[in-house]
Amino acid sequence: MSTETDVLVLGGAGVDTIVYVPELPLPFADSYMVPRIEMRAGQTGDFVALGLSALGLRTHHLDMIGADHPGDLIRALHRDRGIPLTEVPLPGGTKRAVNLVGPDGRRLSLYDDSRSHEADRLPEDTVRALAADSRHAHVSITYPCAFALPLLREAGLTVSTDLHNWDGVNTYHEPFAYGSDLVFVSTTALADPERTMRLIVERGRARTVVAMAGAEGAYMLTEGRITHIPAVTPPAAVVDSNGAGDAFVSGFLLGWLAGEPPARCARYGAIAGAYACTVPATSTDSIGRGELLARAAELDAVQKGNA
């Protein structure tokens, strides 16, 4: 299959204002002196695109962006990293959030939900044209990406999505959960992760579901069986968990698109996620293909030696 793009990333473009706080949860006080406040481009779709590109996959990002300074930051990020960006005007302005980051790397994200409106759409002709030149689509759960899912399936693309902190109940997430071939989700808000994973498979298209559990690793449902994916020791001190899930997705997709077994894909994801935890929230660095594969080889050798 001759295509120009390995992965078409839809949605998830935005800017974050990073605030380092002394602790989380943050006790009430009239004011705090904090070491640093910085706005930088990069939300879930941006980070997946950056991660995939760093791993050598040809990546194209499509989303709605405002004609404003935050939008300029996103445009500059993609231009500087050499990632093609197709932008559609977002009348409400570029999506943005505030991330409070604690000393242990945990974060609390506050999302501005006033930027999107019911009439917002990714133009069908644009989606079809980009899909025609792509192997795979990763769809962020940001509005209005759900409306593009049928177009991607018409084009014959495989589709992945990350449901993030879905509680397994909110109906907003269902088109993504049941309309994708590969589904990622965080265990954070799931009362019964296994039940939700099996429900996604029973009701939807997915045959593989990955529930990411932070320092506990991840759990993967494939071929009817759930396996635990151990966490990987980060190569340096943990400073921030921001972007770790997006990095996991990027690493997993590297293996998945290469036809690797699910367990190998999950190991790639764990390695990439661990690396992301060593990157400050104000940066957008991602692990490269060479470093990821070298780390995977090291872990293989250890596993073989322990067998």
C-alpha atoms as a PDB file:
ATOM      1  CA  MET A   1       0.000   0.000   0.000  1.00  0.00           C
ATOM      2  CA  SER A   2       1.668   3.200  -1.219  1.00  0.00           C
ATOM      3  CA  THR A   3       0.926   6.160   1.028  1.00  0.00           C
ATOM      4  CA  GLU A   4       2.570   9.413   2.000  1.00  0.00           C
ATOM      5  CA  THR A   5       1.578   9.229   5.673  1.00  0.00           C
ATOM      6  CA  ASP A   6       1.924   6.426   8.181  1.00  0.00           C
ATOM      7  CA  VAL A   7      -0.343   7.992  10.808  1.00  0.00           C
ATOM      8  CA  LEU A   8      -2.926  10.737  10.404  1.00  0.00           C
ATOM      9  CA  VAL A   9      -3.523  12.299  13.835  1.00  0.00           C
ATOM     10  CA  LEU A  10      -6.884  13.991  14.241  1.00  0.00           C
ATOM     11  CA  GLY A  11      -7.582  16.551  16.962  1.00  0.00           C
ATOM     12  CA  GLY A  12      -5.869  17.224  20.250  1.00  0.00           C
ATOM     13  CA  ALA A  13      -3.995  20.397  19.262  1.00  0.00           C
ATOM     14  CA  GLY A  14      -3.733  22.995  22.007  1.00  0.00           C
ATOM     15  CA  VAL A  15      -1.538  24.897  24.417  1.00  0.00           C
ATOM     16  CA  ASP A  16      -0.865  24.309  28.097  1.00  0.00           C
ATOM     17  CA  THR A  17       0.120  26.778  30.764  1.00  0.00           C
ATOM     18  CA  ILE A  18       2.449  24.882  33.096  1.00  0.00           C
ATOM     19  CA  VAL A  19       2.481  25.838  36.786  1.00  0.00           C
ATOM     20  CA  TYR A  20       4.833  24.058  39.194  1.00  0.00           C
ATOM     21  CA  VAL A  21       3.160  23.890  42.605  1.00  0.00           C
ATOM     22  CA  PRO A  22       4.568  22.824  46.005  1.00  0.00           C
ATOM     23  CA  GLU A  23       2.112  19.950  46.401  1.00  0.00           C
ATOM     24  CA  LEU A  24      -1.002  18.297  45.006  1.00  0.00           C
ATOM     25  CA  PRO A  25      -3.736  18.656  46.022  1.00  0.00           C
ATOM     26  CA  LEU A  26      -2.944  22.313  46.524  1.00  0.00           C
ATOM     27  CA  PRO A  27      -4.253  23.632  49.869  1.00  0.00           C
ATOM     28  CA  PHE A  28      -6.289  26.820  49.688  1.00  0.00           C
ATOM     29  CA  ALA A  29      -4.300  30.004  50.127  1.00  0.00           C
ATOM     30  CA  ASP A  30      -4.658  33.576  48.985  1.00  0.00           C
ATOM     31  CA  SER A  31      -1.477  33.290  46.920  1.00  0.00           C
ATOM     32  CA  TYR A  32       1.562  31.113  46.213  1.00  0.00           C
ATOM     33  CA  MET A  33       5.025  31.901  44.961  1.00  0.00           C
ATOM     34  CA  VAL A  34       5.828  29.290  42.319  1.00  0.00           C
ATOM     35  CA  PRO A  35       9.158  28.635  40.580  1.00  0.00           C
ATOM     36  CA  ARG A  36       7.902  28.861  37.032  1.00  0.00           C
ATOM     37  CA  ILE A  37       4.861  29.545  34.869  1.00  0.00           C
ATOM     38  CA  GLU A  38       5.182  28.916  31.161  1.00  0.00           C
ATOM     39  CA  MET A  39       2.848  28.531  28.197  1.00  0.00           C
ATOM     40  CA  ARG A  40       3.897  25.990  25.568  1.00  0.00           C
ATOM     41  CA  ALA A  41       2.266  24.289  22.629  1.00  0.00           C
ATOM     42  CA  GLY A  42       1.320  20.671  23.096  1.00  0.00           C
ATOM     43  CA  GLN A  43      -1.765  18.715  24.075  1.00  0.00           C
ATOM     44  CA  THR A  44      -2.634  15.075  23.440  1.00  0.00           C
ATOM     45  CA  GLY A  45      -2.777  15.156  19.638  1.00  0.00           C
ATOM     46  CA  ASP A  46       0.370  17.252  19.420  1.00  0.00           C
ATOM     47  CA  PHE A  47       2.257  14.884  21.725  1.00  0.00           C
ATOM     48  CA  VAL A  48       1.172  11.780  19.825  1.00  0.00           C
ATOM     49  CA  ALA A  49       2.252  13.420  16.560  1.00  0.00           C
ATOM     50  CA  LEU A  50       5.593  14.440  18.079  1.00  0.00           C
ATOM     51  CA  GLY A  51       6.168  10.973  19.513  1.00  0.00           C
ATOM     52  CA  LEU A  52       5.351   9.201  16.263  1.00  0.00           C
ATOM     53  CA  SER A  53       7.551  11.538  14.243  1.00  0.00           C
ATOM     54  CA  ALA A  54      10.483  11.077  16.642  1.00  0.00           C
ATOM     55  CA  LEU A  55      10.110   7.313  16.137  1.00  0.00           C
ATOM     56  CA  GLY A  56      10.481   7.734  12.391  1.00  0.00           C
ATOM     57  CA  LEU A  57       6.829   7.395  11.365  1.00  0.00           C
ATOM     58  CA  ARG A  58       5.532   9.777   8.719  1.00  0.00           C
ATOM     59  CA  THR A  59       2.922  11.782  10.577  1.00  0.00           C
ATOM     60  CA  HIS A  60       0.319  14.371   9.578  1.00  0.00           C
ATOM     61  CA  HIS A  61      -1.780  16.328  12.078  1.00  0.00           C
ATOM     62  CA  LEU A  62      -5.271  17.677  11.353  1.00  0.00           C
ATOM     63  CA  ASP A  63      -7.227  19.870  13.747  1.00  0.00           C
ATOM     64  CA  MET A  64      -9.125  23.104  14.292  1.00  0.00           C
ATOM     65  CA  ILE A  65      -6.912  25.969  15.526  1.00  0.00           C
ATOM     66  CA  GLY A  66      -7.607  29.608  16.273  1.00  0.00           C
ATOM     67  CA  ALA A  67      -6.106  32.690  14.624  1.00  0.00           C
ATOM     68  CA  ASP A  68      -4.416  33.705  17.857  1.00  0.00           C
ATOM     69  CA  HIS A  69      -1.096  33.585  19.720  1.00  0.00           C
ATOM     70  CA  PRO A  70      -1.677  30.056  21.119  1.00  0.00           C
ATOM     71  CA  GLY A  71      -2.393  28.932  17.567  1.00  0.00           C
ATOM     72  CA  ASP A  72       0.882  30.495  16.444  1.00  0.00           C
ATOM     73  CA  LEU A  73       2.701  28.402  19.080  1.00  0.00           C
ATOM     74  CA  ILE A  74       1.160  25.218  17.667  1.00  0.00           C
ATOM     75  CA  ARG A  75       2.013  26.178  14.109  1.00  0.00           C
ATOM     76  CA  ALA A  76       5.593  26.949  15.131  1.00  0.00           C
ATOM     77  CA  LEU A  77       5.957  23.634  17.000  1.00  0.00           C
ATOM     78  CA  HIS A  78       4.923  21.603  13.981  1.00  0.00           C
ATOM     79  CA  ARG A  79       7.022  23.691  11.614  1.00  0.00           C
ATOM     80  CA  ASP A  80      10.113  23.357  13.813  1.00  0.00           C
ATOM     81  CA  ARG A  81       9.663  19.577  14.152  1.00  0.00           C
ATOM     82  CA  GLY A  82       8.897  19.073  10.462  1.00  0.00           C
ATOM     83  CA  ILE A  83       5.421  17.638  11.067  1.00  0.00           C
ATOM     84  CA  PRO A  84       2.831  18.550   8.418  1.00  0.00           C
ATOM     85  CA  LEU A  85      -0.154  20.336   9.949  1.00  0.00           C
ATOM     86  CA  THR A  86      -3.478  20.909   8.237  1.00  0.00           C
ATOM     87  CA  GLU A  87      -5.419  23.472  10.219  1.00  0.00           C
ATOM     88  CA  VAL A  88      -9.082  24.351  10.055  1.00  0.00           C
ATOM     89  CA  PRO A  89     -10.169  27.708  11.552  1.00  0.00           C
ATOM     90  CA  LEU A  90     -11.585  27.387  15.065  1.00  0.00           C
ATOM     91  CA  PRO A  91     -13.825  30.431  15.667  1.00  0.00           C
ATOM     92  CA  GLY A  92     -13.743  30.026  19.446  1.00  0.00           C
ATOM     93  CA  GLY A  93      -9.954  30.230  19.569  1.00  0.00           C
ATOM     94  CA  THR A  94      -7.238  27.644  20.123  1.00  0.00           C
ATOM     95  CA  LYS A  95      -7.897  25.067  22.828  1.00  0.00           C
ATOM     96  CA  ARG A  96      -5.941  25.626  26.020  1.00  0.00           C
ATOM     97  CA  ALA A  97      -5.439  24.240  29.506  1.00  0.00           C
ATOM     98  CA  VAL A  98      -3.597  24.869  32.777  1.00  0.00           C
ATOM     99  CA  ASN A  99      -1.466  22.049  34.176  1.00  0.00           C
ATOM    100  CA  LEU A 100      -0.548  22.104  37.861  1.00  0.00           C
ATOM    101  CA  VAL A 101       2.555  19.934  38.323  1.00  0.00           C
ATOM    102  CA  GLY A 102       3.614  18.679  41.770  1.00  0.00           C
ATOM    103  CA  PRO A 103       7.150  17.861  42.969  1.00  0.00           C
ATOM    104  CA  ASP A 104       6.552  14.133  42.382  1.00  0.00           C
ATOM    105  CA  GLY A 105       5.606  14.682  38.752  1.00  0.00           C
ATOM    106  CA  ARG A 106       1.859  14.232  39.195  1.00  0.00           C
ATOM    107  CA  ARG A 107      -0.344  16.742  37.434  1.00  0.00           C
ATOM    108  CA  LEU A 108      -3.813  18.256  37.585  1.00  0.00           C
ATOM    109  CA  SER A 109      -5.123  19.549  34.264  1.00  0.00           C
ATOM    110  CA  LEU A 110      -7.776  22.259  33.943  1.00  0.00           C
ATOM    111  CA  TYR A 111      -9.286  22.368  30.445  1.00  0.00           C
ATOM    112  CA  ASP A 112     -11.050  25.400  28.987  1.00  0.00           C
ATOM    113  CA  ASP A 113     -14.213  23.910  27.452  1.00  0.00           C
ATOM    114  CA  SER A 114     -15.459  27.191  25.990  1.00  0.00           C
ATOM    115  CA  ARG A 115     -13.457  26.927  22.748  1.00  0.00           C
ATOM    116  CA  SER A 116     -15.499  24.300  20.885  1.00  0.00           C
ATOM    117  CA  HIS A 117     -19.065  24.666  19.701  1.00  0.00           C
ATOM    118  CA  GLU A 118     -21.648  22.241  18.341  1.00  0.00           C
ATOM    119  CA  ALA A 119     -21.275  23.561  14.801  1.00  0.00           C
ATOM    120  CA  ASP A 120     -17.518  22.892  14.671  1.00  0.00           C
ATOM    121  CA  ARG A 121     -16.559  20.260  12.095  1.00  0.00           C
ATOM    122  CA  LEU A 122     -13.500  18.971  10.301  1.00  0.00           C
ATOM    123  CA  PRO A 123     -14.377  19.391   6.585  1.00  0.00           C
ATOM    124  CA  GLU A 124     -15.317  16.031   5.080  1.00  0.00           C
ATOM    125  CA  ASP A 125     -13.378  16.645   1.867  1.00  0.00           C
ATOM    126  CA  THR A 126     -10.241  17.433   3.870  1.00  0.00           C
ATOM    127  CA  VAL A 127     -10.589  14.316   6.018  1.00  0.00           C
ATOM    128  CA  ARG A 128     -11.169  12.128   2.953  1.00  0.00           C
ATOM    129  CA  ALA A 129      -8.188  13.589   1.074  1.00  0.00           C
ATOM    130  CA  LEU A 130      -5.781  13.092   3.975  1.00  0.00           C
ATOM    131  CA  ALA A 131      -7.164   9.642   4.769  1.00  0.00           C
ATOM    132  CA  ALA A 132      -6.620   8.537   1.173  1.00  0.00           C
ATOM    133  CA  ASP A 133      -2.869   9.045   1.636  1.00  0.00           C
ATOM    134  CA  SER A 134      -2.623   7.465   5.097  1.00  0.00           C
ATOM    135  CA  ARG A 135      -2.143   3.983   6.544  1.00  0.00           C
ATOM    136  CA  HIS A 136      -3.661   4.574   9.968  1.00  0.00           C
ATOM    137  CA  ALA A 137      -5.525   7.269  11.905  1.00  0.00           C
ATOM    138  CA  HIS A 138      -5.183   8.104  15.576  1.00  0.00           C
ATOM    139  CA  VAL A 139      -8.248  10.043  16.704  1.00  0.00           C
ATOM    140  CA  SER A 140      -8.205  12.285  19.773  1.00  0.00           C
ATOM    141  CA  ILE A 141     -11.429  12.463  21.763  1.00  0.00           C
ATOM    142  CA  THR A 142     -11.591  16.227  21.302  1.00  0.00           C
ATOM    143  CA  TYR A 143     -14.686  17.643  19.644  1.00  0.00           C
ATOM    144  CA  PRO A 144     -15.504  17.309  16.677  1.00  0.00           C
ATOM    145  CA  CYS A 145     -13.352  14.261  15.848  1.00  0.00           C
ATOM    146  CA  ALA A 146     -16.173  11.756  16.412  1.00  0.00           C
ATOM    147  CA  PHE A 147     -17.854  12.967  13.221  1.00  0.00           C
ATOM    148  CA  ALA A 148     -14.762  11.983  11.222  1.00  0.00           C
ATOM    149  CA  LEU A 149     -14.770   8.330  12.338  1.00  0.00           C
ATOM    150  CA  PRO A 150     -17.168   7.078   9.600  1.00  0.00           C
ATOM    151  CA  LEU A 151     -15.081   8.835   6.933  1.00  0.00           C
ATOM    152  CA  LEU A 152     -11.915   7.126   8.146  1.00  0.00           C
ATOM    153  CA  ARG A 153     -13.596   3.735   8.044  1.00  0.00           C
ATOM    154  CA  GLU A 154     -14.880   4.449   4.514  1.00  0.00           C
ATOM    155  CA  ALA A 155     -11.279   5.109   3.489  1.00  0.00           C
ATOM    156  CA  GLY A 156     -10.263   1.700   4.848  1.00  0.00           C
ATOM    157  CA  LEU A 157      -7.960   3.019   7.567  1.00  0.00           C
ATOM    158  CA  THR A 158      -7.382   1.269  10.849  1.00  0.00           C
ATOM    159  CA  VAL A 159      -8.191   3.614  13.734  1.00  0.00           C
ATOM    160  CA  SER A 160      -6.865   4.010  17.259  1.00  0.00           C
ATOM    161  CA  THR A 161      -7.988   6.289  20.058  1.00  0.00           C
ATOM    162  CA  ASP A 162      -7.110   7.164  23.647  1.00  0.00           C
ATOM    163  CA  LEU A 163     -10.111   7.551  25.968  1.00  0.00           C
ATOM    164  CA  HIS A 164      -7.883   9.007  28.717  1.00  0.00           C
ATOM    165  CA  ASN A 165      -9.692   9.095  32.076  1.00  0.00           C
ATOM    166  CA  TRP A 166     -13.032   7.695  30.858  1.00  0.00           C
ATOM    167  CA  ASP A 167     -15.208   6.383  33.659  1.00  0.00           C
ATOM    168  CA  GLY A 168     -16.758   3.733  31.437  1.00  0.00           C
ATOM    169  CA  VAL A 169     -20.141   5.458  31.675  1.00  0.00           C
ATOM    170  CA  ASN A 170     -19.964   8.886  30.007  1.00  0.00           C
ATOM    171  CA  THR A 171     -21.672   8.508  26.627  1.00  0.00           C
ATOM    172  CA  TYR A 172     -19.487  11.182  24.994  1.00  0.00           C
ATOM    173  CA  HIS A 173     -16.641   8.657  24.741  1.00  0.00           C
ATOM    174  CA  GLU A 174     -18.702   5.830  23.230  1.00  0.00           C
ATOM    175  CA  PRO A 175     -18.280   6.703  19.506  1.00  0.00           C
ATOM    176  CA  PHE A 176     -14.522   6.624  20.021  1.00  0.00           C
ATOM    177  CA  ALA A 177     -14.531   3.537  22.240  1.00  0.00           C
ATOM    178  CA  TYR A 178     -16.751   1.476  19.961  1.00  0.00           C
ATOM    179  CA  GLY A 179     -15.639   2.904  16.617  1.00  0.00           C
ATOM    180  CA  SER A 180     -11.887   2.255  16.863  1.00  0.00           C
ATOM    181  CA  ASP A 181      -9.817  -0.828  16.083  1.00  0.00           C
ATOM    182  CA  LEU A 182      -7.296  -0.194  18.868  1.00  0.00           C
ATOM    183  CA  VAL A 183      -8.352   1.482  22.116  1.00  0.00           C
ATOM    184  CA  PHE A 184      -6.272   2.958  24.923  1.00  0.00           C
ATOM    185  CA  VAL A 185      -7.721   4.097  28.236  1.00  0.00           C
ATOM    186  CA  SER A 186      -6.441   5.091  31.663  1.00  0.00           C
ATOM    187  CA  THR A 187      -7.444   3.057  34.702  1.00  0.00           C
ATOM    188  CA  THR A 188      -7.678   6.258  36.777  1.00  0.00           C
ATOM    189  CA  ALA A 189     -11.471   6.638  36.735  1.00  0.00           C
ATOM    190  CA  LEU A 190     -12.490   3.033  36.010  1.00  0.00           C
ATOM    191  CA  ALA A 191     -14.243   1.227  38.846  1.00  0.00           C
ATOM    192  CA  ASP A 192     -13.706  -2.115  37.083  1.00  0.00           C
ATOM    193  CA  PRO A 193     -11.061  -1.856  34.329  1.00  0.00           C
ATOM    194  CA  GLU A 194     -11.483  -5.454  33.119  1.00  0.00           C
ATOM    195  CA  ARG A 195     -15.235  -5.081  32.748  1.00  0.00           C
ATOM    196  CA  THR A 196     -14.827  -1.866  30.743  1.00  0.00           C
ATOM    197  CA  MET A 197     -12.136  -3.389  28.527  1.00  0.00           C
ATOM    198  CA  ARG A 198     -14.304  -6.393  27.725  1.00  0.00           C
ATOM    199  CA  LEU A 199     -17.310  -4.138  27.103  1.00  0.00           C
ATOM    200  CA  ILE A 200     -15.318  -2.174  24.520  1.00  0.00           C
ATOM    201  CA  VAL A 201     -14.527  -5.397  22.663  1.00  0.00           C
ATOM    202  CA  GLU A 202     -18.071  -6.768  22.935  1.00  0.00           C
ATOM    203  CA  ARG A 203     -19.776  -3.595  21.693  1.00  0.00           C
ATOM    204  CA  GLY A 204     -17.207  -2.216  19.301  1.00  0.00           C
ATOM    205  CA  ARG A 205     -14.659  -2.910  16.581  1.00  0.00           C
ATOM    206  CA  ALA A 206     -11.569  -3.218  18.769  1.00  0.00           C
ATOM    207  CA  ARG A 207      -9.809  -6.538  19.265  1.00  0.00           C
ATOM    208  CA  THR A 208      -7.083  -5.022  21.422  1.00  0.00           C
ATOM    209  CA  VAL A 209      -7.666  -2.723  24.397  1.00  0.00           C
ATOM    210  CA  VAL A 210      -4.899  -1.323  26.583  1.00  0.00           C
ATOM    211  CA  ALA A 211      -5.599   0.130  30.031  1.00  0.00           C
ATOM    212  CA  MET A 212      -2.666   2.252  31.183  1.00  0.00           C
ATOM    213  CA  ALA A 213      -2.064   2.248  34.943  1.00  0.00           C
ATOM    214  CA  GLY A 214       0.884   4.597  35.445  1.00  0.00           C
ATOM    215  CA  ALA A 215       3.592   3.227  37.719  1.00  0.00           C
ATOM    216  CA  GLU A 216       1.738  -0.116  37.846  1.00  0.00           C
ATOM    217  CA  GLY A 217       2.308  -0.587  34.122  1.00  0.00           C
ATOM    218  CA  ALA A 218      -0.638  -1.466  31.904  1.00  0.00           C
ATOM    219  CA  TYR A 219      -3.183  -4.192  31.222  1.00  0.00           C
ATOM    220  CA  MET A 220      -3.882  -5.469  27.728  1.00  0.00           C
ATOM    221  CA  LEU A 221      -6.902  -7.368  26.472  1.00  0.00           C
ATOM    222  CA  THR A 222      -6.285  -9.251  23.243  1.00  0.00           C
ATOM    223  CA  GLU A 223      -7.692 -12.530  21.941  1.00  0.00           C
ATOM    224  CA  GLY A 224      -9.973 -12.653  24.969  1.00  0.00           C
ATOM    225  CA  ARG A 225      -7.134 -12.710  27.498  1.00  0.00           C
ATOM    226  CA  ILE A 226      -5.898  -9.945  29.796  1.00  0.00           C
ATOM    227  CA  THR A 227      -2.190  -9.714  30.479  1.00  0.00           C
ATOM    228  CA  HIS A 228      -0.218  -7.364  32.704  1.00  0.00           C
ATOM    229  CA  ILE A 229       2.417  -5.192  31.041  1.00  0.00           C
ATOM    230  CA  PRO A 230       5.097  -4.332  33.615  1.00  0.00           C
ATOM    231  CA  ALA A 231       6.220  -0.746  33.945  1.00  0.00           C
ATOM    232  CA  VAL A 232       9.706   0.072  32.683  1.00  0.00           C
ATOM    233  CA  THR A 233      12.222   1.857  34.895  1.00  0.00           C
ATOM    234  CA  PRO A 234      12.715   5.405  33.569  1.00  0.00           C
ATOM    235  CA  PRO A 235      16.230   6.212  32.332  1.00  0.00           C
ATOM    236  CA  ALA A 236      16.447   9.231  34.665  1.00  0.00           C
ATOM    237  CA  ALA A 237      14.585  10.852  37.554  1.00  0.00           C
ATOM    238  CA  VAL A 238      10.819  11.223  37.155  1.00  0.00           C
ATOM    239  CA  VAL A 239       9.920  14.898  36.878  1.00  0.00           C
ATOM    240  CA  ASP A 240       6.506  14.951  35.197  1.00  0.00           C
ATOM    241  CA  SER A 241       3.856  12.484  34.054  1.00  0.00           C
ATOM    242  CA  ASN A 242       2.480  14.896  31.451  1.00  0.00           C
ATOM    243  CA  GLY A 243       2.498  13.233  28.030  1.00  0.00           C
ATOM    244  CA  ALA A 244       3.385   9.755  29.317  1.00  0.00           C
ATOM    245  CA  GLY A 245       0.161   8.241  28.023  1.00  0.00           C
ATOM    246  CA  ASP A 246       0.607   9.879  24.619  1.00  0.00           C
ATOM    247  CA  ALA A 247       4.162   8.541  24.480  1.00  0.00           C
ATOM    248  CA  PHE A 248       2.893   5.043  25.349  1.00  0.00           C
ATOM    249  CA  VAL A 249       0.432   5.275  22.455  1.00  0.00           C
ATOM    250  CA  SER A 250       3.193   6.377  20.060  1.00  0.00           C
ATOM    251  CA  GLY A 251       5.488   3.542  21.082  1.00  0.00           C
ATOM    252  CA  PHE A 252       2.704   0.972  20.839  1.00  0.00           C
ATOM    253  CA  LEU A 253       1.766   2.188  17.353  1.00  0.00           C
ATOM    254  CA  LEU A 254       5.368   1.874  16.182  1.00  0.00           C
ATOM    255  CA  GLY A 255       5.176  -1.861  16.853  1.00  0.00           C
ATOM    256  CA  TRP A 256       1.559  -2.277  15.786  1.00  0.00           C
ATOM    257  CA  LEU A 257       2.094  -0.737  12.350  1.00  0.00           C
ATOM    258  CA  ALA A 258       5.181  -2.910  11.887  1.00  0.00           C
ATOM    259  CA  GLY A 259       3.117  -6.049  12.538  1.00  0.00           C
ATOM    260  CA  GLU A 260       4.780  -6.839  15.870  1.00  0.00           C
ATOM    261  CA  PRO A 261       2.991  -9.067  18.416  1.00  0.00           C
ATOM    262  CA  PRO A 262       0.850  -7.153  20.931  1.00  0.00           C
ATOM    263  CA  ALA A 263       3.239  -7.901  23.802  1.00  0.00           C
ATOM    264  CA  ARG A 264       6.124  -6.342  21.856  1.00  0.00           C
ATOM    265  CA  CYS A 265       3.974  -3.309  21.002  1.00  0.00           C
ATOM    266  CA  ALA A 266       3.126  -2.886  24.677  1.00  0.00           C
ATOM    267  CA  ARG A 267       6.791  -3.061  25.648  1.00  0.00           C
ATOM    268  CA  TYR A 268       7.572  -0.310  23.145  1.00  0.00           C
ATOM    269  CA  GLY A 269       4.769   1.733  24.688  1.00  0.00           C
ATOM    270  CA  ALA A 270       6.049   1.194  28.226  1.00  0.00           C
ATOM    271  CA  ILE A 271       9.567   2.261  27.221  1.00  0.00           C
ATOM    272  CA  ALA A 272       8.325   5.422  25.530  1.00  0.00           C
ATOM    273  CA  GLY A 273       6.024   6.258  28.443  1.00  0.00           C
ATOM    274  CA  ALA A 274       8.832   5.835  30.969  1.00  0.00           C
ATOM    275  CA  TYR A 275      11.069   8.153  28.946  1.00  0.00           C
ATOM    276  CA  ALA A 276       8.330  10.810  28.845  1.00  0.00           C
ATOM    277  CA  CYS A 277       8.207  10.887  32.653  1.00  0.00           C
ATOM    278  CA  THR A 278      11.794  12.197  32.672  1.00  0.00           C
ATOM    279  CA  VAL A 279      10.952  15.182  30.450  1.00  0.00           C
ATOM    280  CA  PRO A 280       9.867  18.445  32.154  1.00  0.00           C
ATOM    281  CA  ALA A 281       6.339  19.623  31.384  1.00  0.00           C
ATOM    282  CA  THR A 282       7.747  22.729  29.719  1.00  0.00           C
ATOM    283  CA  SER A 283       9.548  20.598  27.111  1.00  0.00           C
ATOM    284  CA  THR A 284       8.257  18.482  24.232  1.00  0.00           C
ATOM    285  CA  ASP A 285      11.120  16.014  23.772  1.00  0.00           C
ATOM    286  CA  SER A 286      10.297  12.438  22.747  1.00  0.00           C
ATOM    287  CA  ILE A 287      12.283   9.212  22.652  1.00  0.00           C
ATOM    288  CA  GLY A 288      13.842   8.320  19.297  1.00  0.00           C
ATOM    289  CA  ARG A 289      13.557   5.012  17.467  1.00  0.00           C
ATOM    290  CA  GLY A 290      17.187   4.021  18.062  1.00  0.00           C
ATOM    291  CA  GLU A 291      17.022   4.614  21.804  1.00  0.00           C
ATOM    292  CA  LEU A 292      13.686   2.817  22.119  1.00  0.00           C
ATOM    293  CA  LEU A 293      14.853  -0.261  20.206  1.00  0.00           C
ATOM    294  CA  ALA A 294      18.127  -0.375  22.158  1.00  0.00           C
ATOM    295  CA  ARG A 295      16.225  -0.288  25.444  1.00  0.00           C
ATOM    296  CA  ALA A 296      13.886  -3.020  24.205  1.00  0.00           C
ATOM    297  CA  ALA A 297      16.897  -5.179  23.343  1.00  0.00           C
ATOM    298  CA  GLU A 298      18.310  -4.653  26.844  1.00  0.00           C
ATOM    299  CA  LEU A 299      15.031  -5.731  28.428  1.00  0.00           C
ATOM    300  CA  ASP A 300      14.888  -8.766  26.141  1.00  0.00           C
ATOM    301  CA  ALA A 301      18.373  -9.794  27.275  1.00  0.00           C
ATOM    302  CA  VAL A 302      17.416  -9.433  30.927  1.00  0.00           C
ATOM    303  CA  GLN A 303      14.234 -11.425  30.423  1.00  0.00           C
ATOM    304  CA  LYS A 304      16.129 -14.153  28.574  1.00  0.00           C
ATOM    305  CA  GLY A 305      18.754 -14.295  31.323  1.00  0.00           C
ATOM    306  CA  ASN A 306      16.052 -14.694  33.975  1.00  0.00           C
ATOM    307  CA  ALA A 307      14.220 -17.404  32.058  1.00  0.00           C
END
